[in-house]
């Protein structure tokens, strides 16, 4: 219910659907099975994002594909509906990995004293988004329009919804803080601006790229005074239109300055023919 979050680790659990109930059942089995050793710890985390082999591996990463697919929506067709009701706190997998390591170290070093330590822990970012807001951010990063293609869904847990979902699942990380575990997380927006969406990533020298030897990238030459430079191609969308001739690829480029970590996004440009990296 609105206003009840964040939830502490010892709050009474009341899953609103079967998915949540199975997770709770799993927690109880783990804690019961490891009761004698005290080596079983439950770490609750929210929806995760980060580097993945396929976007579908993360409920967050996959929204990049939704934004791409939305570009196929025509004005006369129905828009894609995206939830703008449930509050989510996407947390980076690298942060979760660090916390898992720190927790394991803390409990193993505690020895017999770990029997007095909490066995249910929680870790979450404080960055709050709805799925619609995440799509807005991804569209901003990729330079793609979604205003007439994706609409905000505010239905929530209405009578027509087949699966009831919680409004706000914000987890308190206080128990970890009490143990002295670092609960700092990466900024969701900053991480995506820095990493983009690795559909295809190329590292090229500062002299830039050329398309079949005919199309140069002047931006990289203009920025050579800022060093060191790493140029990466992030978002690639290709289509073949017989009426317009050869292959067209839309590329969004980011210039990264390793010394200060800044990122500058170039204007969106259409390069004709296949792109040859030099």
Protein backbone atom coordinates (compact mmCIF):
# COMPACT_ATOMS: atom_id res chain seq x y z
CA UNK A 1 0.00 0.00 0.00
CA UNK A 2 1.20 3.55 -0.65
CA UNK A 3 3.01 5.02 2.33
CA UNK A 4 4.11 1.75 3.96
CA UNK A 5 7.57 1.49 2.36
CA UNK A 6 10.45 1.23 2.95
CA UNK A 7 10.12 -2.18 4.54
CA UNK A 8 12.57 -3.32 7.21
CA UNK A 9 14.05 -6.81 7.06
CA UNK A 10 11.93 -7.96 10.00
CA UNK A 11 8.64 -6.60 8.63
CA UNK A 12 5.86 -9.17 8.34
CA UNK A 13 5.83 -10.51 4.75
CA UNK A 14 2.54 -10.65 2.86
CA UNK A 15 3.16 -11.53 -0.81
CA UNK A 16 0.29 -10.39 -3.10
CA UNK A 17 0.90 -13.08 -5.73
CA UNK A 18 2.25 -16.60 -6.30
CA UNK A 19 5.64 -15.34 -7.48
CA UNK A 20 6.22 -13.51 -4.22
CA UNK A 21 4.96 -16.46 -2.18
CA UNK A 22 7.43 -18.87 -3.81
CA UNK A 23 10.29 -16.49 -2.99
CA UNK A 24 9.16 -16.33 0.63
CA UNK A 25 8.88 -20.13 0.76
CA UNK A 26 12.43 -20.36 -0.57
CA UNK A 27 13.70 -18.02 2.13
CA UNK A 28 12.11 -20.13 4.86
CA UNK A 29 13.57 -23.37 3.48
CA UNK A 30 17.07 -21.90 3.35
CA UNK A 31 16.90 -20.53 6.88
CA UNK A 32 15.41 -23.73 8.30
CA UNK A 33 17.93 -25.99 6.53
CA UNK A 34 20.94 -23.98 7.76
CA UNK A 35 19.66 -23.29 11.27
CA UNK A 36 22.26 -25.48 12.97
CA UNK A 37 25.27 -23.96 11.20
CA UNK A 38 24.11 -20.37 10.95
CA UNK A 39 25.68 -20.23 7.49
CA UNK A 40 22.44 -19.65 5.63
CA UNK A 41 21.74 -15.97 4.90
CA UNK A 42 18.87 -14.46 2.93
CA UNK A 43 19.68 -11.31 0.97
CA UNK A 44 16.63 -9.65 -0.54
CA UNK A 45 17.22 -7.40 -3.54
CA UNK A 46 14.91 -5.47 -5.88
CA UNK A 47 14.85 -5.61 -9.69
CA UNK A 48 18.39 -5.76 -11.07
CA UNK A 49 20.20 -4.29 -14.06
CA UNK A 50 23.75 -4.32 -15.39
CA UNK A 51 25.89 -5.96 -18.03
CA UNK A 52 24.19 -9.00 -19.55
CA UNK A 53 24.62 -11.37 -22.49
CA UNK A 54 21.05 -10.71 -23.60
CA UNK A 55 18.69 -7.83 -22.67
CA UNK A 56 16.00 -10.33 -21.70
CA UNK A 57 18.15 -11.45 -18.76
CA UNK A 58 17.05 -8.32 -16.88
CA UNK A 59 13.58 -6.85 -16.52
CA UNK A 60 15.29 -3.45 -16.80
CA UNK A 61 17.70 -4.07 -19.68
CA UNK A 62 14.90 -5.49 -21.80
CA UNK A 63 13.13 -2.11 -21.77
CA UNK A 64 15.80 -0.89 -24.21
CA UNK A 65 14.37 -3.36 -26.71
CA UNK A 66 10.88 -2.05 -25.95
CA UNK A 67 12.00 1.48 -26.83
CA UNK A 68 13.52 0.22 -30.09
CA UNK A 69 10.39 -1.75 -30.96
CA UNK A 70 8.23 1.28 -30.21
CA UNK A 71 9.80 3.03 -33.20
CA UNK A 72 7.78 0.69 -35.41
CA UNK A 73 4.50 1.96 -33.96
CA UNK A 74 2.56 3.99 -36.53
CA UNK A 75 0.31 6.90 -35.67
CA UNK A 76 -2.82 4.94 -36.56
CA UNK A 77 -1.84 1.96 -34.36
CA UNK A 78 -2.37 1.51 -30.63
CA UNK A 79 0.50 2.68 -28.44
CA UNK A 80 2.54 0.35 -26.26
CA UNK A 81 1.26 0.60 -22.69
CA UNK A 82 3.98 0.78 -20.02
CA UNK A 83 3.32 0.68 -16.28
CA UNK A 84 3.54 4.10 -14.62
CA UNK A 85 2.11 3.04 -11.25
CA UNK A 86 4.37 0.56 -9.44
CA UNK A 87 7.50 2.03 -7.87
CA UNK A 88 10.74 0.20 -8.63
CA UNK A 89 14.26 0.60 -7.29
CA UNK A 90 16.62 -0.84 -9.93
CA UNK A 91 19.92 -1.91 -8.40
CA UNK A 92 23.16 -2.65 -10.21
CA UNK A 93 24.44 -6.23 -10.21
CA UNK A 94 27.99 -5.06 -9.51
CA UNK A 95 26.81 -3.44 -6.28
CA UNK A 96 24.94 -6.60 -5.31
CA UNK A 97 28.04 -8.68 -5.99
CA UNK A 98 30.13 -6.41 -3.76
CA UNK A 99 27.60 -6.64 -0.93
CA UNK A 100 27.42 -10.44 -1.21
CA UNK A 101 31.21 -10.63 -0.85
CA UNK A 102 31.23 -8.25 2.12
CA UNK A 103 28.44 -10.15 3.87
CA UNK A 104 30.13 -13.52 3.33
CA UNK A 105 33.40 -12.16 4.72
CA UNK A 106 31.68 -10.57 7.72
CA UNK A 107 29.80 -13.73 8.71
CA UNK A 108 32.70 -16.13 8.16
CA UNK A 109 35.03 -13.98 10.25
CA UNK A 110 32.44 -13.73 13.04
CA UNK A 111 32.80 -17.40 13.95
CA UNK A 112 30.45 -18.50 16.74
CA UNK A 113 29.24 -14.91 17.14
CA UNK A 114 27.31 -15.14 13.87
CA UNK A 115 24.56 -17.02 15.71
CA UNK A 116 23.61 -13.64 17.16
CA UNK A 117 23.72 -11.86 13.81
CA UNK A 118 20.63 -11.28 11.61
CA UNK A 119 19.97 -13.92 8.97
CA UNK A 120 17.63 -11.91 6.75
CA UNK A 121 19.23 -8.93 5.04
CA UNK A 122 18.10 -6.47 2.41
CA UNK A 123 19.95 -4.32 -0.12
CA UNK A 124 18.47 -1.76 -2.47
CA UNK A 125 19.28 1.37 -4.40
CA UNK A 126 17.41 4.53 -3.46
CA UNK A 127 16.82 5.45 -7.13
CA UNK A 128 13.07 5.21 -7.75
CA UNK A 129 11.47 4.78 -11.19
CA UNK A 130 8.37 3.39 -12.82
CA UNK A 131 8.84 1.29 -15.95
CA UNK A 132 7.50 4.16 -18.02
CA UNK A 133 10.05 6.56 -16.52
CA UNK A 134 12.82 4.09 -17.34
CA UNK A 135 11.64 3.99 -20.95
CA UNK A 136 11.71 7.80 -20.97
CA UNK A 137 15.31 7.75 -19.79
CA UNK A 138 16.37 5.13 -22.33
CA UNK A 139 14.69 7.09 -25.12
CA UNK A 140 16.58 10.21 -24.00
CA UNK A 141 19.89 8.35 -24.06
CA UNK A 142 19.24 6.81 -27.48
CA UNK A 143 17.76 9.96 -28.95
CA UNK A 144 14.54 8.19 -29.90
CA UNK A 145 10.99 9.58 -29.63
CA UNK A 146 8.38 7.75 -27.57
CA UNK A 147 5.74 10.44 -26.99
CA UNK A 148 3.35 9.02 -29.61
CA UNK A 149 4.53 5.44 -29.27
CA UNK A 150 4.52 4.47 -25.57
CA UNK A 151 1.81 5.57 -23.18
CA UNK A 152 1.86 5.64 -19.40
CA UNK A 153 -0.29 2.90 -17.88
CA UNK A 154 -1.82 3.90 -14.55
CA UNK A 155 -4.18 0.98 -14.05
CA UNK A 156 -2.35 -0.38 -11.00
CA UNK A 157 -4.11 -3.24 -9.25
CA UNK A 158 -7.46 -2.64 -10.87
CA UNK A 159 -10.17 -5.31 -11.21
CA UNK A 160 -9.05 -6.16 -14.75
CA UNK A 161 -5.46 -6.96 -13.72
CA UNK A 162 -4.86 -10.72 -13.64
CA UNK A 163 -1.84 -10.59 -11.30
CA UNK A 164 -1.82 -8.32 -8.26
CA UNK A 165 1.48 -6.51 -7.72
CA UNK A 166 2.77 -4.38 -4.86
CA UNK A 167 2.75 -0.61 -5.34
CA UNK A 168 6.07 0.09 -3.61
CA UNK A 169 8.61 -2.62 -2.78
CA UNK A 170 11.28 -0.32 -1.40
CA UNK A 171 13.57 -2.38 0.83
CA UNK A 172 15.39 -0.79 3.74
CA UNK A 173 19.13 -1.52 3.87
CA UNK A 174 19.37 -0.53 7.54
CA UNK A 175 20.34 -4.00 8.79
CA UNK A 176 23.36 -4.01 6.48
CA UNK A 177 24.32 -0.54 7.69
CA UNK A 178 24.14 -1.78 11.29
CA UNK A 179 26.60 -4.54 10.36
CA UNK A 180 29.00 -2.00 8.91
CA UNK A 181 28.42 -3.08 5.31
CA UNK A 182 28.80 -0.40 2.63
CA UNK A 183 25.38 0.07 1.01
CA UNK A 184 26.38 2.76 -1.48
CA UNK A 185 25.02 2.19 -4.98
CA UNK A 186 25.73 3.49 -8.44
CA UNK A 187 23.43 6.10 -9.91
CA UNK A 188 20.98 4.40 -12.26
CA UNK A 189 20.93 7.31 -14.70
CA UNK A 190 24.70 7.85 -14.64
CA UNK A 191 25.41 4.15 -15.20
CA UNK A 192 23.24 3.99 -18.30
CA UNK A 193 24.69 7.19 -19.70
CA UNK A 194 28.19 5.79 -19.19
CA UNK A 195 27.55 2.29 -20.47
CA UNK A 196 24.73 2.77 -22.92
CA UNK A 197 23.34 -0.39 -24.38
CA UNK A 198 26.03 -2.75 -25.60
CA UNK A 199 24.18 -4.05 -28.64
CA UNK A 200 27.46 -3.46 -30.39
CA UNK A 201 30.55 -1.82 -28.92
CA UNK A 202 33.70 -0.93 -30.80
CA UNK A 203 36.88 0.71 -29.55
CA UNK A 204 38.51 2.83 -32.22
CA UNK A 205 41.52 5.18 -32.29
CA UNK A 206 41.03 8.91 -31.90
CA UNK A 207 41.36 9.42 -35.67
CA UNK A 208 37.83 8.04 -35.89
CA UNK A 209 35.91 5.93 -38.39
CA UNK A 210 35.16 6.02 -42.06
CA UNK A 211 32.41 4.46 -44.10
CA UNK A 212 33.88 2.64 -47.12
CA UNK A 213 36.68 5.19 -47.02
CA UNK A 214 34.32 8.06 -47.90
CA UNK A 215 32.71 9.22 -44.66
CA UNK A 216 34.91 10.49 -41.86
CA UNK A 217 33.99 11.35 -38.28
CA UNK A 218 35.08 14.93 -37.69
CA UNK A 219 33.91 15.00 -34.04
CA UNK A 220 36.75 12.74 -32.94
CA UNK A 221 39.35 14.96 -34.61
CA UNK A 222 37.88 18.08 -33.07
CA UNK A 223 38.19 16.57 -29.62
CA UNK A 224 41.74 15.29 -29.93
CA UNK A 225 42.91 18.07 -27.66
CA UNK A 226 41.10 16.33 -24.80
CA UNK A 227 43.03 13.25 -23.92
CA UNK A 228 42.92 10.39 -23.47
CA UNK A 229 39.91 9.72 -25.72
CA UNK A 230 37.96 6.50 -26.07
CA UNK A 231 35.30 6.46 -28.75
CA UNK A 232 32.55 3.88 -28.54
CA UNK A 233 29.65 3.11 -30.83
CA UNK A 234 26.67 2.32 -28.65
CA UNK A 235 23.32 2.09 -30.38
CA UNK A 236 22.95 0.55 -33.79
CA UNK A 237 19.66 0.28 -35.68
CA UNK A 238 19.73 -0.96 -39.25
CA UNK A 239 17.13 -1.31 -41.99
CA UNK A 240 17.13 -2.12 -45.67
CA UNK A 241 14.94 -0.04 -47.96
CA UNK A 242 15.10 -1.01 -51.62
CA UNK A 243 13.58 2.32 -52.67
CA UNK A 244 16.43 4.24 -51.07
CA UNK A 245 19.26 2.02 -52.15
CA UNK A 246 21.92 0.49 -49.94
CA UNK A 247 22.11 -0.31 -46.27
CA UNK A 248 21.49 2.50 -43.78
CA UNK A 249 22.61 2.41 -40.17
CA UNK A 250 21.71 4.94 -37.50
CA UNK A 251 24.50 5.35 -35.00
CA UNK A 252 24.61 7.26 -31.74
CA UNK A 253 28.15 7.98 -30.63
CA UNK A 254 29.56 8.78 -27.21
CA UNK A 255 32.96 10.33 -26.59
CA UNK A 256 34.48 9.37 -23.26
CA UNK A 257 37.28 11.27 -21.57
CA UNK A 258 38.93 8.77 -19.29
CA UNK A 259 40.60 11.32 -17.05
CA UNK A 260 37.37 13.02 -15.91
CA UNK A 261 34.78 10.41 -16.84
CA UNK A 262 32.68 12.86 -18.83
CA UNK A 263 30.51 11.83 -21.75
CA UNK A 264 29.44 13.93 -24.72
CA UNK A 265 26.77 12.62 -27.05
CA UNK A 266 27.14 13.64 -30.67
CA UNK A 267 24.26 14.57 -32.95
CA UNK A 268 22.38 11.66 -34.46
CA UNK A 269 23.76 11.01 -37.95
CA UNK A 270 22.90 8.72 -40.84
CA UNK A 271 25.92 7.00 -42.40
CA UNK A 272 25.49 5.34 -45.74
CA UNK A 273 26.71 1.80 -46.45
CA UNK A 274 28.44 -0.45 -43.98
CA UNK A 275 30.70 1.13 -41.39
CA UNK A 276 34.38 0.25 -41.54
CA UNK A 277 36.37 0.79 -38.35
CA UNK A 278 39.97 1.86 -38.70
